[in-house]
Amino acid sequence: TVGFWGGVPLFVMPVILYETGLPRFIQWLLICLSGGICFSIVCIPFVLSFAKAHALRRGGGMLNSFLISQSILIVFAAMLFAVFYSVVLLMAA
């Protein structure tokens, strides 16, 4: 799984996005978001158990809790991936 969530954003997404002609910052942002999405796929069972417990405690809907929790995880993982990606780019230069 490390090859999936590390390899797709680092090696596949830049090649795909380079052909689109998007600005570099948008490409970097999309690469980081794809890293967050790939990482969050691995954590879906944990997020589901958290959403179920949170929905039972609060009396709200489980789907709403899941979507909010998953979105927070994606953004957090994307920020961590952005730091990692930036450090790797700076070390390579």
Protein backbone atom coordinates (compact mmCIF):
# COMPACT_ATOMS: atom_id res chain seq x y z
CA THR A 1 0.00 0.00 0.00
CA VAL A 2 2.92 2.37 0.54
CA GLY A 3 3.79 2.03 -3.11
CA PHE A 4 0.22 2.93 -4.02
CA TRP A 5 -0.25 6.05 -1.93
CA GLY A 6 3.34 7.16 -2.41
CA GLY A 7 3.91 6.11 -6.00
CA VAL A 8 0.74 7.35 -7.66
CA PRO A 9 1.01 10.96 -6.45
CA LEU A 10 4.78 11.18 -6.93
CA PHE A 11 5.22 9.43 -10.26
CA VAL A 12 1.87 9.14 -12.07
CA MET A 13 0.11 12.42 -11.25
CA PRO A 14 2.96 14.76 -12.30
CA VAL A 15 3.12 13.11 -15.72
CA ILE A 16 -0.65 13.39 -16.20
CA LEU A 17 -0.80 16.97 -14.95
CA TYR A 18 2.22 18.11 -16.98
CA GLU A 19 0.30 17.41 -20.18
CA THR A 20 -2.66 19.58 -19.11
CA GLY A 21 -0.72 22.84 -19.04
CA LEU A 22 -2.05 23.87 -15.63
CA PRO A 23 -0.03 26.33 -13.54
CA ARG A 24 2.62 24.74 -11.32
CA PHE A 25 0.88 25.69 -8.06
CA ILE A 26 -2.37 24.00 -9.18
CA GLN A 27 -0.40 20.93 -10.22
CA TRP A 28 1.33 20.83 -6.83
CA LEU A 29 -2.00 21.25 -5.04
CA LEU A 30 -3.64 18.43 -7.03
CA ILE A 31 -0.66 16.14 -6.45
CA CYS A 32 -0.87 16.74 -2.71
CA LEU A 33 -4.64 16.16 -2.69
CA SER A 34 -4.19 12.91 -4.60
CA GLY A 35 -1.67 11.83 -1.96
CA GLY A 36 -4.22 12.65 0.73
CA ILE A 37 -6.94 10.72 -1.06
CA CYS A 38 -4.70 7.68 -1.62
CA PHE A 39 -3.69 7.66 2.05
CA SER A 40 -7.27 8.09 3.28
CA ILE A 41 -8.40 5.03 1.31
CA VAL A 42 -6.21 2.92 3.60
CA CYS A 43 -7.81 4.49 6.70
CA ILE A 44 -11.49 4.01 5.73
CA PRO A 45 -12.11 1.22 8.32
CA PHE A 46 -10.82 3.46 11.12
CA VAL A 47 -12.87 6.42 9.93
CA LEU A 48 -15.99 4.25 9.70
CA SER A 49 -15.59 3.01 13.26
CA PHE A 50 -14.99 6.57 14.47
CA ALA A 51 -18.02 7.86 12.52
CA LYS A 52 -20.23 5.14 13.97
CA ALA A 53 -19.13 5.90 17.54
CA HIS A 54 -19.46 9.65 16.97
CA ALA A 55 -22.93 9.30 15.46
CA LEU A 56 -24.10 7.18 18.39
CA ARG A 57 -22.74 9.67 20.92
CA ARG A 58 -24.12 12.76 19.19
CA GLY A 59 -27.30 11.25 17.80
CA GLY A 60 -26.50 12.46 14.29
CA GLY A 61 -26.21 10.67 11.00
CA MET A 62 -23.35 8.28 10.42
CA LEU A 63 -22.93 9.33 6.77
CA ASN A 64 -22.51 12.96 7.73
CA SER A 65 -19.95 12.06 10.40
CA PHE A 66 -18.11 9.83 7.95
CA LEU A 67 -17.94 12.47 5.22
CA ILE A 68 -16.70 15.16 7.58
CA SER A 69 -14.13 12.85 9.18
CA GLN A 70 -12.92 11.58 5.81
CA SER A 71 -12.63 15.12 4.46
CA ILE A 72 -10.60 16.20 7.48
CA LEU A 73 -8.33 13.18 7.05
CA ILE A 74 -7.83 13.94 3.34
CA VAL A 75 -6.90 17.55 4.03
CA PHE A 76 -4.58 16.59 6.91
CA ALA A 77 -2.88 13.88 4.84
CA ALA A 78 -2.56 16.29 1.91
CA MET A 79 -0.85 18.84 4.15
CA LEU A 80 1.59 16.19 5.42
CA PHE A 81 2.19 15.04 1.85
CA ALA A 82 2.79 18.68 0.81
CA VAL A 83 5.49 19.04 3.45
CA PHE A 84 7.06 15.75 2.38
CA TYR A 85 6.82 16.59 -1.33
CA SER A 86 8.31 20.06 -0.79
CA VAL A 87 11.22 18.68 1.24
CA VAL A 88 11.93 16.07 -1.43
CA LEU A 89 11.86 18.72 -4.17
CA LEU A 90 14.17 21.01 -2.19
CA MET A 91 16.61 18.18 -1.53
CA ALA A 92 16.64 17.24 -5.21
CA ALA A 93 17.42 20.80 -6.35
